């Protein structure tokens, strides 16, 4: 596990769980964006045959590998992992290589704790 991933293991607000399939080189940038936003991230590689897992590790994620299955089933593995490590909240994404999430701005009440929103 990388130092960056270890630094992110303290769940402040929650964990991001990504079920990923065939993201390849794009995976590293996604992981780095989530970690830079302050969230620990676990990537569940859903049977990819490309470099998705390796790129997720290089980006600083904890990576779980599963045989290709329904994306929601893959997410359950990551949710279980995060909850066992004390995550009070888990934010989930399914990325299948077609589209990546883009950061979006949102309105929040003044003084409220803000967190980035990915969509």
Protein backbone atom coordinates (compact mmCIF):
# COMPACT_ATOMS: atom_id res chain seq x y z
CA UNK A 1 0.00 0.00 0.00
CA UNK A 2 1.37 3.39 -0.93
CA UNK A 3 2.08 6.11 1.65
CA UNK A 4 -0.60 8.26 0.06
CA UNK A 5 -3.15 5.48 0.50
CA UNK A 6 -2.10 4.96 4.14
CA UNK A 7 -2.45 8.71 4.81
CA UNK A 8 -6.00 8.56 3.46
CA UNK A 9 -7.02 5.56 5.59
CA UNK A 10 -8.39 7.79 8.38
CA UNK A 11 -12.05 8.18 7.45
CA UNK A 12 -12.91 11.80 8.17
CA UNK A 13 -16.20 12.06 6.32
CA UNK A 14 -16.41 8.84 4.36
CA UNK A 15 -14.79 6.71 1.71
CA UNK A 16 -15.19 6.67 -2.04
CA UNK A 17 -15.69 3.22 -3.55
CA UNK A 18 -15.25 2.85 -7.29
CA UNK A 19 -16.24 -0.25 -9.22
CA UNK A 20 -13.99 0.00 -12.27
CA UNK A 21 -13.88 -1.96 -15.50
CA UNK A 22 -11.40 -1.36 -18.32
CA UNK A 23 -10.43 2.18 -17.26
CA UNK A 24 -6.78 1.61 -18.08
CA UNK A 25 -4.57 4.68 -17.81
CA UNK A 26 -7.52 6.92 -16.93
CA UNK A 27 -7.83 5.20 -13.55
CA UNK A 28 -4.80 6.86 -11.99
CA UNK A 29 -6.12 10.38 -12.62
CA UNK A 30 -9.52 9.51 -11.18
CA UNK A 31 -7.94 8.12 -8.01
CA UNK A 32 -5.65 11.13 -7.62
CA UNK A 33 -8.60 13.51 -8.02
CA UNK A 34 -10.56 11.73 -5.28
CA UNK A 35 -7.56 11.58 -2.92
CA UNK A 36 -6.78 15.25 -3.57
CA UNK A 37 -10.35 16.04 -2.51
CA UNK A 38 -9.54 14.40 0.84
CA UNK A 39 -11.32 11.07 0.55
CA UNK A 40 -9.82 7.63 1.04
CA UNK A 41 -10.57 5.54 -2.03
CA UNK A 42 -10.94 1.86 -2.71
CA UNK A 43 -11.11 0.68 -6.30
CA UNK A 44 -12.80 -2.63 -6.99
CA UNK A 45 -11.35 -3.84 -10.28
CA UNK A 46 -14.26 -5.72 -11.79
CA UNK A 47 -12.27 -8.22 -13.86
CA UNK A 48 -10.41 -5.75 -16.09
CA UNK A 49 -7.92 -7.22 -18.53
CA UNK A 50 -6.00 -3.95 -18.95
CA UNK A 51 -3.87 -1.91 -16.53
CA UNK A 52 -6.79 -0.60 -14.43
CA UNK A 53 -5.54 -2.19 -11.18
CA UNK A 54 -1.93 -1.11 -11.67
CA UNK A 55 -2.94 2.47 -12.44
CA UNK A 56 -5.23 2.61 -9.40
CA UNK A 57 -2.35 1.48 -7.17
CA UNK A 58 -0.01 4.05 -8.74
CA UNK A 59 -2.63 6.71 -8.04
CA UNK A 60 -2.71 5.74 -4.36
CA UNK A 61 -5.89 3.64 -4.07
CA UNK A 62 -6.48 0.49 -2.13
CA UNK A 63 -7.38 -2.05 -4.82
CA UNK A 64 -9.58 -5.12 -4.57
CA UNK A 65 -9.79 -7.45 -7.55
CA UNK A 66 -12.87 -9.52 -8.31
CA UNK A 67 -13.97 -11.70 -11.18
CA UNK A 68 -16.16 -9.81 -13.62
CA UNK A 69 -19.64 -9.52 -12.18
CA UNK A 70 -22.55 -7.12 -11.91
CA UNK A 71 -21.10 -3.66 -11.05
CA UNK A 72 -23.35 -3.33 -8.01
CA UNK A 73 -22.03 -6.64 -6.70
CA UNK A 74 -18.48 -5.37 -7.15
CA UNK A 75 -19.40 -2.24 -5.20
CA UNK A 76 -20.59 -4.37 -2.28
CA UNK A 77 -17.04 -5.70 -1.86
CA UNK A 78 -15.67 -2.17 -1.62
CA UNK A 79 -18.45 -0.99 0.68
CA UNK A 80 -17.76 -3.91 3.02
CA UNK A 81 -14.03 -3.08 2.99
CA UNK A 82 -14.65 0.60 3.82
CA UNK A 83 -17.24 -0.10 6.53
CA UNK A 84 -14.90 -2.57 8.25
CA UNK A 85 -12.37 0.27 8.45
CA UNK A 86 -14.80 2.61 10.15
CA UNK A 87 -16.18 4.60 7.23
CA UNK A 88 -19.25 6.50 8.49
CA UNK A 89 -20.34 7.14 4.89
CA UNK A 90 -19.53 5.51 1.58
CA UNK A 91 -19.84 7.29 -1.77
CA UNK A 92 -20.01 4.96 -4.77
CA UNK A 93 -19.25 5.23 -8.47
CA UNK A 94 -19.38 2.74 -11.31
CA UNK A 95 -16.85 3.51 -14.04
CA UNK A 96 -16.83 1.30 -17.09
CA UNK A 97 -14.39 3.19 -19.26
CA UNK A 98 -16.93 5.14 -21.27
CA UNK A 99 -17.32 8.30 -19.20
CA UNK A 100 -15.42 9.71 -16.26
CA UNK A 101 -16.96 11.83 -13.52
CA UNK A 102 -16.52 15.57 -13.74
CA UNK A 103 -16.26 17.82 -10.74
CA UNK A 104 -19.37 19.92 -10.24
CA UNK A 105 -20.04 22.89 -8.00
CA UNK A 106 -23.04 22.97 -5.69
CA UNK A 107 -24.68 25.42 -3.34
CA UNK A 108 -24.40 24.84 0.39
CA UNK A 109 -25.59 26.88 3.35
CA UNK A 110 -23.06 29.38 4.71
CA UNK A 111 -20.85 27.77 7.35
CA UNK A 112 -21.76 24.23 6.36
CA UNK A 113 -19.02 21.67 5.85
CA UNK A 114 -18.48 21.32 2.11
CA UNK A 115 -17.21 18.41 0.13
CA UNK A 116 -16.58 18.13 -3.59
CA UNK A 117 -19.31 16.61 -5.67
CA UNK A 118 -18.48 14.32 -8.57
CA UNK A 119 -21.09 13.46 -11.15
